């Protein structure tokens, strides 16, 4: 199965569960969409504390786009902020 990761280009690091999970919990005026990744199913997650520093392994590009919407609630995001990478 191919997974996708999200590279924060300015910091040259992958987005981790420790960043995404709290962003998903934040309230927003508009829906951000469900995220499907290892340990995340829609709006629910079961990620071990020890995995919070691990890169998020997304199941599809739509989930990556929705994750970016969630991350916008907590950080300044523009079109140059992230790069999507695929992993086999």
PDB file of N, CA and C in Angstrom:
ATOM      1  N   UNK A   1       0.843  -1.174   0.000  1.00  0.00           N
ATOM      2  CA  UNK A   1       0.000   0.000   0.000  1.00  0.00           C
ATOM      3  C   UNK A   1       0.890   1.239   0.000  1.00  0.00           C
ATOM      4  N   UNK A   2       0.507   2.221  -0.779  1.00  0.00           N
ATOM      5  CA  UNK A   2       1.230   3.487  -0.810  1.00  0.00           C
ATOM      6  C   UNK A   2       0.683   4.413   0.269  1.00  0.00           C
ATOM      7  N   UNK A   3       1.579   4.991   1.032  1.00  0.00           N
ATOM      8  CA  UNK A   3       1.228   5.994   2.034  1.00  0.00           C
ATOM      9  C   UNK A   3       1.750   7.339   1.573  1.00  0.00           C
ATOM     10  N   UNK A   4       1.177   8.391   2.125  1.00  0.00           N
ATOM     11  CA  UNK A   4       1.610   9.750   1.819  1.00  0.00           C
ATOM     12  C   UNK A   4       2.048  10.426   3.115  1.00  0.00           C
ATOM     13  N   UNK A   5       3.083  11.229   3.028  1.00  0.00           N
ATOM     14  CA  UNK A   5       3.539  12.025   4.162  1.00  0.00           C
ATOM     15  C   UNK A   5       3.489  13.487   3.750  1.00  0.00           C
ATOM     16  N   UNK A   6       3.550  14.354   4.740  1.00  0.00           N
ATOM     17  CA  UNK A   6       3.442  15.780   4.507  1.00  0.00           C
ATOM     18  C   UNK A   6       4.709  16.454   5.031  1.00  0.00           C
ATOM     19  N   UNK A   7       5.514  16.979   4.116  1.00  0.00           N
ATOM     20  CA  UNK A   7       6.766  17.625   4.460  1.00  0.00           C
ATOM     21  C   UNK A   7       6.536  19.115   4.686  1.00  0.00           C
ATOM     22  N   UNK A   8       6.952  19.625   5.837  1.00  0.00           N
ATOM     23  CA  UNK A   8       6.940  21.064   6.108  1.00  0.00           C
ATOM     24  C   UNK A   8       8.229  21.584   5.471  1.00  0.00           C
ATOM     25  N   UNK A   9       8.093  22.260   4.336  1.00  0.00           N
ATOM     26  CA  UNK A   9       9.269  22.593   3.530  1.00  0.00           C
ATOM     27  C   UNK A   9      10.241  23.554   4.215  1.00  0.00           C
ATOM     28  N   UNK A  10       9.754  24.581   4.879  1.00  0.00           N
ATOM     29  CA  UNK A  10      10.657  25.545   5.503  1.00  0.00           C
ATOM     30  C   UNK A  10      11.491  24.899   6.609  1.00  0.00           C
ATOM     31  N   UNK A  11      10.904  23.965   7.336  1.00  0.00           N
ATOM     32  CA  UNK A  11      11.614  23.318   8.441  1.00  0.00           C
ATOM     33  C   UNK A  11      12.230  21.981   8.051  1.00  0.00           C
ATOM     34  N   UNK A  12      11.984  21.539   6.826  1.00  0.00           N
ATOM     35  CA  UNK A  12      12.531  20.279   6.318  1.00  0.00           C
ATOM     36  C   UNK A  12      12.284  19.113   7.268  1.00  0.00           C
ATOM     37  N   UNK A  13      10.991  18.950   7.643  1.00  0.00           N
ATOM     38  CA  UNK A  13      10.613  17.842   8.518  1.00  0.00           C
ATOM     39  C   UNK A  13       9.197  17.410   8.174  1.00  0.00           C
ATOM     40  N   UNK A  14       8.885  16.170   8.506  1.00  0.00           N
ATOM     41  CA  UNK A  14       7.568  15.628   8.243  1.00  0.00           C
ATOM     42  C   UNK A  14       6.604  15.987   9.372  1.00  0.00           C
ATOM     43  N   UNK A  15       5.332  16.203   9.028  1.00  0.00           N
ATOM     44  CA  UNK A  15       4.292  16.478  10.012  1.00  0.00           C
ATOM     45  C   UNK A  15       4.054  15.215  10.839  1.00  0.00           C
ATOM     46  N   UNK A  16       3.991  15.384  12.148  1.00  0.00           N
ATOM     47  CA  UNK A  16       3.858  14.248  13.060  1.00  0.00           C
ATOM     48  C   UNK A  16       2.438  14.154  13.617  1.00  0.00           C
ATOM     49  N   UNK A  17       2.175  13.010  14.236  1.00  0.00           N
ATOM     50  CA  UNK A  17       0.894  12.824  14.918  1.00  0.00           C
ATOM     51  C   UNK A  17       0.727  13.841  16.043  1.00  0.00           C
ATOM     52  N   UNK A  18       1.841  14.212  16.686  1.00  0.00           N
ATOM     53  CA  UNK A  18       1.805  15.174  17.768  1.00  0.00           C
ATOM     54  C   UNK A  18       1.360  16.563  17.329  1.00  0.00           C
ATOM     55  N   UNK A  19       1.465  16.859  16.055  1.00  0.00           N
ATOM     56  CA  UNK A  19       0.977  18.129  15.515  1.00  0.00           C
ATOM     57  C   UNK A  19      -0.446  18.003  14.992  1.00  0.00           C
ATOM     58  N   UNK A  20      -0.708  16.914  14.284  1.00  0.00           N
ATOM     59  CA  UNK A  20      -2.004  16.774  13.624  1.00  0.00           C
ATOM     60  C   UNK A  20      -3.139  16.484  14.605  1.00  0.00           C
ATOM     61  N   UNK A  21      -2.933  15.574  15.548  1.00  0.00           N
ATOM     62  CA  UNK A  21      -4.018  15.192  16.467  1.00  0.00           C
ATOM     63  C   UNK A  21      -4.539  16.401  17.252  1.00  0.00           C
ATOM     64  N   UNK A  22      -3.672  17.231  17.851  1.00  0.00           N
ATOM     65  CA  UNK A  22      -4.209  18.411  18.541  1.00  0.00           C
ATOM     66  C   UNK A  22      -4.928  19.382  17.590  1.00  0.00           C
ATOM     67  N   UNK A  23      -4.416  19.532  16.383  1.00  0.00           N
ATOM     68  CA  UNK A  23      -5.074  20.416  15.411  1.00  0.00           C
ATOM     69  C   UNK A  23      -6.463  19.889  15.051  1.00  0.00           C
ATOM     70  N   UNK A  24      -6.617  18.576  14.985  1.00  0.00           N
ATOM     71  CA  UNK A  24      -7.925  17.992  14.677  1.00  0.00           C
ATOM     72  C   UNK A  24      -8.924  18.248  15.800  1.00  0.00           C
ATOM     73  N   UNK A  25      -8.441  18.429  17.030  1.00  0.00           N
ATOM     74  CA  UNK A  25      -9.310  18.659  18.177  1.00  0.00           C
ATOM     75  C   UNK A  25      -9.754  20.112  18.293  1.00  0.00           C
ATOM     76  N   UNK A  26      -9.078  21.015  17.618  1.00  0.00           N
ATOM     77  CA  UNK A  26      -9.412  22.441  17.697  1.00  0.00           C
ATOM     78  C   UNK A  26     -10.709  22.715  16.938  1.00  0.00           C
ATOM     79  N   UNK A  27     -11.498  23.646  17.465  1.00  0.00           N
ATOM     80  CA  UNK A  27     -12.748  24.036  16.822  1.00  0.00           C
ATOM     81  C   UNK A  27     -12.454  24.938  15.622  1.00  0.00           C
ATOM     82  N   UNK A  28     -13.325  24.833  14.613  1.00  0.00           N
ATOM     83  CA  UNK A  28     -13.168  25.642  13.411  1.00  0.00           C
ATOM     84  C   UNK A  28     -14.532  26.102  12.933  1.00  0.00           C
ATOM     85  N   UNK A  29     -14.563  27.249  12.297  1.00  0.00           N
ATOM     86  CA  UNK A  29     -15.818  27.768  11.768  1.00  0.00           C
ATOM     87  C   UNK A  29     -16.313  27.009  10.556  1.00  0.00           C
ATOM     88  N   UNK A  30     -15.422  26.327   9.887  1.00  0.00           N
ATOM     89  CA  UNK A  30     -15.809  25.542   8.714  1.00  0.00           C
ATOM     90  C   UNK A  30     -15.259  24.124   8.843  1.00  0.00           C
ATOM     91  N   UNK A  31     -15.943  23.163   8.248  1.00  0.00           N
ATOM     92  CA  UNK A  31     -15.466  21.769   8.355  1.00  0.00           C
ATOM     93  C   UNK A  31     -14.133  21.587   7.622  1.00  0.00           C
ATOM     94  N   UNK A  32     -13.278  20.792   8.207  1.00  0.00           N
ATOM     95  CA  UNK A  32     -11.955  20.556   7.624  1.00  0.00           C
ATOM     96  C   UNK A  32     -11.866  19.228   6.881  1.00  0.00           C
ATOM     97  N   UNK A  33     -12.819  18.344   7.096  1.00  0.00           N
ATOM     98  CA  UNK A  33     -12.850  17.069   6.400  1.00  0.00           C
ATOM     99  C   UNK A  33     -12.175  15.953   7.179  1.00  0.00           C
ATOM    100  N   UNK A  34     -12.578  14.723   6.898  1.00  0.00           N
ATOM    101  CA  UNK A  34     -12.012  13.563   7.606  1.00  0.00           C
ATOM    102  C   UNK A  34     -10.595  13.247   7.143  1.00  0.00           C
ATOM    103  N   UNK A  35      -9.831  12.641   8.036  1.00  0.00           N
ATOM    104  CA  UNK A  35      -8.463  12.235   7.743  1.00  0.00           C
ATOM    105  C   UNK A  35      -8.375  10.725   7.935  1.00  0.00           C
ATOM    106  N   UNK A  36      -7.811  10.059   6.941  1.00  0.00           N
ATOM    107  CA  UNK A  36      -7.575   8.616   7.039  1.00  0.00           C
ATOM    108  C   UNK A  36      -6.076   8.380   6.927  1.00  0.00           C
ATOM    109  N   UNK A  37      -5.524   7.819   8.005  1.00  0.00           N
ATOM    110  CA  UNK A  37      -4.094   7.544   8.097  1.00  0.00           C
ATOM    111  C   UNK A  37      -3.914   6.384   9.058  1.00  0.00           C
ATOM    112  N   UNK A  38      -2.692   5.898   9.170  1.00  0.00           N
ATOM    113  CA  UNK A  38      -2.420   4.858  10.148  1.00  0.00           C
ATOM    114  C   UNK A  38      -2.746   5.421  11.523  1.00  0.00           C
ATOM    115  N   UNK A  39      -3.685   4.829  12.231  1.00  0.00           N
ATOM    116  CA  UNK A  39      -4.078   5.284  13.559  1.00  0.00           C
ATOM    117  C   UNK A  39      -5.150   6.357  13.577  1.00  0.00           C
ATOM    118  N   UNK A  40      -5.553   6.855  12.408  1.00  0.00           N
ATOM    119  CA  UNK A  40      -6.604   7.877  12.324  1.00  0.00           C
ATOM    120  C   UNK A  40      -7.657   7.407  11.342  1.00  0.00           C
ATOM    121  N   UNK A  41      -8.927   7.426  11.785  1.00  0.00           N
ATOM    122  CA  UNK A  41     -10.030   7.012  10.931  1.00  0.00           C
ATOM    123  C   UNK A  41     -11.109   8.086  10.971  1.00  0.00           C
ATOM    124  N   UNK A  42     -11.081   8.951   9.977  1.00  0.00           N
ATOM    125  CA  UNK A  42     -12.053  10.033   9.917  1.00  0.00           C
ATOM    126  C   UNK A  42     -11.725  11.110  10.924  1.00  0.00           C
ATOM    127  N   UNK A  43     -12.527  11.175  11.991  1.00  0.00           N
ATOM    128  CA  UNK A  43     -12.304  12.160  13.048  1.00  0.00           C
ATOM    129  C   UNK A  43     -11.891  11.488  14.356  1.00  0.00           C
ATOM    130  N   UNK A  44     -11.665  10.174  14.316  1.00  0.00           N
ATOM    131  CA  UNK A  44     -11.265   9.425  15.499  1.00  0.00           C
ATOM    132  C   UNK A  44      -9.837   8.943  15.319  1.00  0.00           C
ATOM    133  N   UNK A  45      -9.154   8.811  16.408  1.00  0.00           N
ATOM    134  CA  UNK A  45      -7.768   8.375  16.327  1.00  0.00           C
ATOM    135  C   UNK A  45      -7.430   7.468  17.502  1.00  0.00           C
ATOM    136  N   UNK A  46      -6.477   6.597  17.259  1.00  0.00           N
ATOM    137  CA  UNK A  46      -5.951   5.689  18.280  1.00  0.00           C
ATOM    138  C   UNK A  46      -4.453   5.610  18.037  1.00  0.00           C
ATOM    139  N   UNK A  47      -3.762   6.623  18.525  1.00  0.00           N
ATOM    140  CA  UNK A  47      -2.319   6.732  18.326  1.00  0.00           C
ATOM    141  C   UNK A  47      -1.642   6.571  19.678  1.00  0.00           C
ATOM    142  N   UNK A  48      -0.664   5.699  19.734  1.00  0.00           N
ATOM    143  CA  UNK A  48       0.064   5.502  20.989  1.00  0.00           C
ATOM    144  C   UNK A  48       0.899   6.738  21.308  1.00  0.00           C
ATOM    145  N   UNK A  49       1.060   7.021  22.578  1.00  0.00           N
ATOM    146  CA  UNK A  49       1.845   8.180  23.001  1.00  0.00           C
ATOM    147  C   UNK A  49       3.254   8.110  22.423  1.00  0.00           C
ATOM    148  N   UNK A  50       3.818   6.942  22.370  1.00  0.00           N
ATOM    149  CA  UNK A  50       5.162   6.772  21.824  1.00  0.00           C
ATOM    150  C   UNK A  50       5.268   7.065  20.336  1.00  0.00           C
ATOM    151  N   UNK A  51       4.129   7.109  19.634  1.00  0.00           N
ATOM    152  CA  UNK A  51       4.126   7.382  18.198  1.00  0.00           C
ATOM    153  C   UNK A  51       3.851   8.846  17.861  1.00  0.00           C
ATOM    154  N   UNK A  52       3.666   9.697  18.873  1.00  0.00           N
ATOM    155  CA  UNK A  52       3.309  11.087  18.618  1.00  0.00           C
ATOM    156  C   UNK A  52       4.390  11.850  17.866  1.00  0.00           C
ATOM    157  N   UNK A  53       5.652  11.418  17.957  1.00  0.00           N
ATOM    158  CA  UNK A  53       6.735  12.069  17.225  1.00  0.00           C
ATOM    159  C   UNK A  53       6.975  11.432  15.858  1.00  0.00           C
ATOM    160  N   UNK A  54       6.192  10.424  15.511  1.00  0.00           N
ATOM    161  CA  UNK A  54       6.339   9.743  14.217  1.00  0.00           C
ATOM    162  C   UNK A  54       5.599  10.505  13.126  1.00  0.00           C
ATOM    163  N   UNK A  55       6.101  10.430  11.891  1.00  0.00           N
ATOM    164  CA  UNK A  55       5.396  11.069  10.775  1.00  0.00           C
ATOM    165  C   UNK A  55       4.035  10.412  10.541  1.00  0.00           C
ATOM    166  N   UNK A  56       3.061  11.229  10.195  1.00  0.00           N
ATOM    167  CA  UNK A  56       1.726  10.719   9.871  1.00  0.00           C
ATOM    168  C   UNK A  56       1.803  10.006   8.520  1.00  0.00           C
ATOM    169  N   UNK A  57       1.252   8.795   8.451  1.00  0.00           N
ATOM    170  CA  UNK A  57       1.202   8.017   7.206  1.00  0.00           C
ATOM    171  C   UNK A  57      -0.235   8.039   6.695  1.00  0.00           C
ATOM    172  N   UNK A  58      -0.493   8.945   5.763  1.00  0.00           N
ATOM    173  CA  UNK A  58      -1.836   9.140   5.214  1.00  0.00           C
ATOM    174  C   UNK A  58      -2.166   8.053   4.195  1.00  0.00           C
ATOM    175  N   UNK A  59      -3.450   7.701   4.121  1.00  0.00           N
ATOM    176  CA  UNK A  59      -3.897   6.674   3.185  1.00  0.00           C
ATOM    177  C   UNK A  59      -4.174   7.209   1.787  1.00  0.00           C
ATOM    178  N   UNK A  60      -4.503   8.485   1.667  1.00  0.00           N
ATOM    179  CA  UNK A  60      -4.840   9.045   0.348  1.00  0.00           C
ATOM    180  C   UNK A  60      -4.582  10.543   0.333  1.00  0.00           C
ATOM    181  N   UNK A  61      -4.563  11.102  -0.870  1.00  0.00           N
ATOM    182  CA  UNK A  61      -4.277  12.534  -1.032  1.00  0.00           C
ATOM    183  C   UNK A  61      -5.400  13.416  -0.486  1.00  0.00           C
ATOM    184  N   UNK A  62      -6.632  12.946  -0.513  1.00  0.00           N
ATOM    185  CA  UNK A  62      -7.743  13.726   0.043  1.00  0.00           C
ATOM    186  C   UNK A  62      -7.549  13.913   1.545  1.00  0.00           C
ATOM    187  N   UNK A  63      -7.056  12.886   2.216  1.00  0.00           N
ATOM    188  CA  UNK A  63      -6.787  12.990   3.650  1.00  0.00           C
ATOM    189  C   UNK A  63      -5.660  13.984   3.919  1.00  0.00           C
ATOM    190  N   UNK A  64      -4.674  14.025   3.042  1.00  0.00           N
ATOM    191  CA  UNK A  64      -3.589  15.002   3.179  1.00  0.00           C
ATOM    192  C   UNK A  64      -4.155  16.413   3.081  1.00  0.00           C
ATOM    193  N   UNK A  65      -5.009  16.645   2.089  1.00  0.00           N
ATOM    194  CA  UNK A  65      -5.619  17.968   1.913  1.00  0.00           C
ATOM    195  C   UNK A  65      -6.456  18.350   3.138  1.00  0.00           C
ATOM    196  N   UNK A  66      -7.200  17.401   3.675  1.00  0.00           N
ATOM    197  CA  UNK A  66      -8.004  17.677   4.871  1.00  0.00           C
ATOM    198  C   UNK A  66      -7.112  17.942   6.079  1.00  0.00           C
ATOM    199  N   UNK A  67      -5.992  17.230   6.177  1.00  0.00           N
ATOM    200  CA  UNK A  67      -5.055  17.457   7.276  1.00  0.00           C
ATOM    201  C   UNK A  67      -4.487  18.877   7.205  1.00  0.00           C
ATOM    202  N   UNK A  68      -4.202  19.341   6.014  1.00  0.00           N
ATOM    203  CA  UNK A  68      -3.711  20.715   5.856  1.00  0.00           C
ATOM    204  C   UNK A  68      -4.764  21.696   6.364  1.00  0.00           C
ATOM    205  N   UNK A  69      -6.035  21.433   6.072  1.00  0.00           N
ATOM    206  CA  UNK A  69      -7.105  22.293   6.587  1.00  0.00           C
ATOM    207  C   UNK A  69      -7.119  22.310   8.109  1.00  0.00           C
ATOM    208  N   UNK A  70      -6.914  21.156   8.722  1.00  0.00           N
ATOM    209  CA  UNK A  70      -6.856  21.087  10.189  1.00  0.00           C
ATOM    210  C   UNK A  70      -5.642  21.857  10.716  1.00  0.00           C
ATOM    211  N   UNK A  71      -4.498  21.691  10.068  1.00  0.00           N
ATOM    212  CA  UNK A  71      -3.278  22.361  10.513  1.00  0.00           C
ATOM    213  C   UNK A  71      -3.380  23.877  10.384  1.00  0.00           C
ATOM    214  N   UNK A  72      -4.178  24.362   9.451  1.00  0.00           N
ATOM    215  CA  UNK A  72      -4.374  25.815   9.283  1.00  0.00           C
ATOM    216  C   UNK A  72      -4.958  26.453  10.539  1.00  0.00           C
ATOM    217  N   UNK A  73      -5.658  25.679  11.330  1.00  0.00           N
ATOM    218  CA  UNK A  73      -6.251  26.214  12.559  1.00  0.00           C
ATOM    219  C   UNK A  73      -5.177  26.602  13.571  1.00  0.00           C
ATOM    220  N   UNK A  74      -3.983  26.016  13.432  1.00  0.00           N
ATOM    221  CA  UNK A  74      -2.948  26.205  14.434  1.00  0.00           C
ATOM    222  C   UNK A  74      -1.666  26.846  13.893  1.00  0.00           C
ATOM    223  N   UNK A  75      -1.510  26.943  12.579  1.00  0.00           N
ATOM    224  CA  UNK A  75      -0.285  27.509  12.009  1.00  0.00           C
ATOM    225  C   UNK A  75      -0.589  28.278  10.735  1.00  0.00           C
ATOM    226  N   UNK A  76       0.327  29.150  10.358  1.00  0.00           N
ATOM    227  CA  UNK A  76       0.195  29.906   9.117  1.00  0.00           C
ATOM    228  C   UNK A  76       0.570  28.971   7.973  1.00  0.00           C
ATOM    229  N   UNK A  77      -0.360  28.793   7.055  1.00  0.00           N
ATOM    230  CA  UNK A  77      -0.172  27.855   5.950  1.00  0.00           C
ATOM    231  C   UNK A  77      -0.473  28.571   4.640  1.00  0.00           C
ATOM    232  N   UNK A  78       0.453  28.475   3.690  1.00  0.00           N
ATOM    233  CA  UNK A  78       0.175  28.950   2.339  1.00  0.00           C
ATOM    234  C   UNK A  78       0.547  27.847   1.358  1.00  0.00           C
ATOM    235  N   UNK A  79       0.453  28.132   0.079  1.00  0.00           N
ATOM    236  CA  UNK A  79       0.670  27.083  -0.926  1.00  0.00           C
ATOM    237  C   UNK A  79       2.100  26.555  -0.932  1.00  0.00           C
ATOM    238  N   UNK A  80       3.037  27.303  -0.371  1.00  0.00           N
ATOM    239  CA  UNK A  80       4.440  26.880  -0.348  1.00  0.00           C
ATOM    240  C   UNK A  80       4.850  26.176   0.945  1.00  0.00           C
ATOM    241  N   UNK A  81       3.946  26.025   1.882  1.00  0.00           N
ATOM    242  CA  UNK A  81       4.301  25.481   3.194  1.00  0.00           C
ATOM    243  C   UNK A  81       4.626  23.989   3.152  1.00  0.00           C
ATOM    244  N   UNK A  82       3.821  23.216   2.418  1.00  0.00           N
ATOM    245  CA  UNK A  82       3.947  21.762   2.460  1.00  0.00           C
ATOM    246  C   UNK A  82       4.242  21.146   1.097  1.00  0.00           C
ATOM    247  N   UNK A  83       4.815  19.961   1.158  1.00  0.00           N
ATOM    248  CA  UNK A  83       5.012  19.134  -0.030  1.00  0.00           C
ATOM    249  C   UNK A  83       4.517  17.726   0.315  1.00  0.00           C
ATOM    250  N   UNK A  84       3.708  17.152  -0.545  1.00  0.00           N
ATOM    251  CA  UNK A  84       3.208  15.788  -0.345  1.00  0.00           C
ATOM    252  C   UNK A  84       4.218  14.819  -0.929  1.00  0.00           C
ATOM    253  N   UNK A  85       4.572  13.814  -0.151  1.00  0.00           N
ATOM    254  CA  UNK A  85       5.493  12.778  -0.603  1.00  0.00           C
ATOM    255  C   UNK A  85       4.820  11.423  -0.516  1.00  0.00           C
ATOM    256  N   UNK A  86       5.152  10.530  -1.426  1.00  0.00           N
ATOM    257  CA  UNK A  86       4.578   9.182  -1.369  1.00  0.00           C
ATOM    258  C   UNK A  86       5.641   8.204  -0.891  1.00  0.00           C
ATOM    259  N   UNK A  87       5.162   7.175  -0.166  1.00  0.00           N
ATOM    260  CA  UNK A  87       6.027   6.113   0.361  1.00  0.00           C
ATOM    261  C   UNK A  87       5.378   4.778   0.050  1.00  0.00           C
ATOM    262  N   UNK A  88       6.172   3.835  -0.377  1.00  0.00           N
ATOM    263  CA  UNK A  88       5.657   2.482  -0.621  1.00  0.00           C
ATOM    264  C   UNK A  88       5.983   1.576   0.533  1.00  0.00           C
TER     265      UNK A  88
END
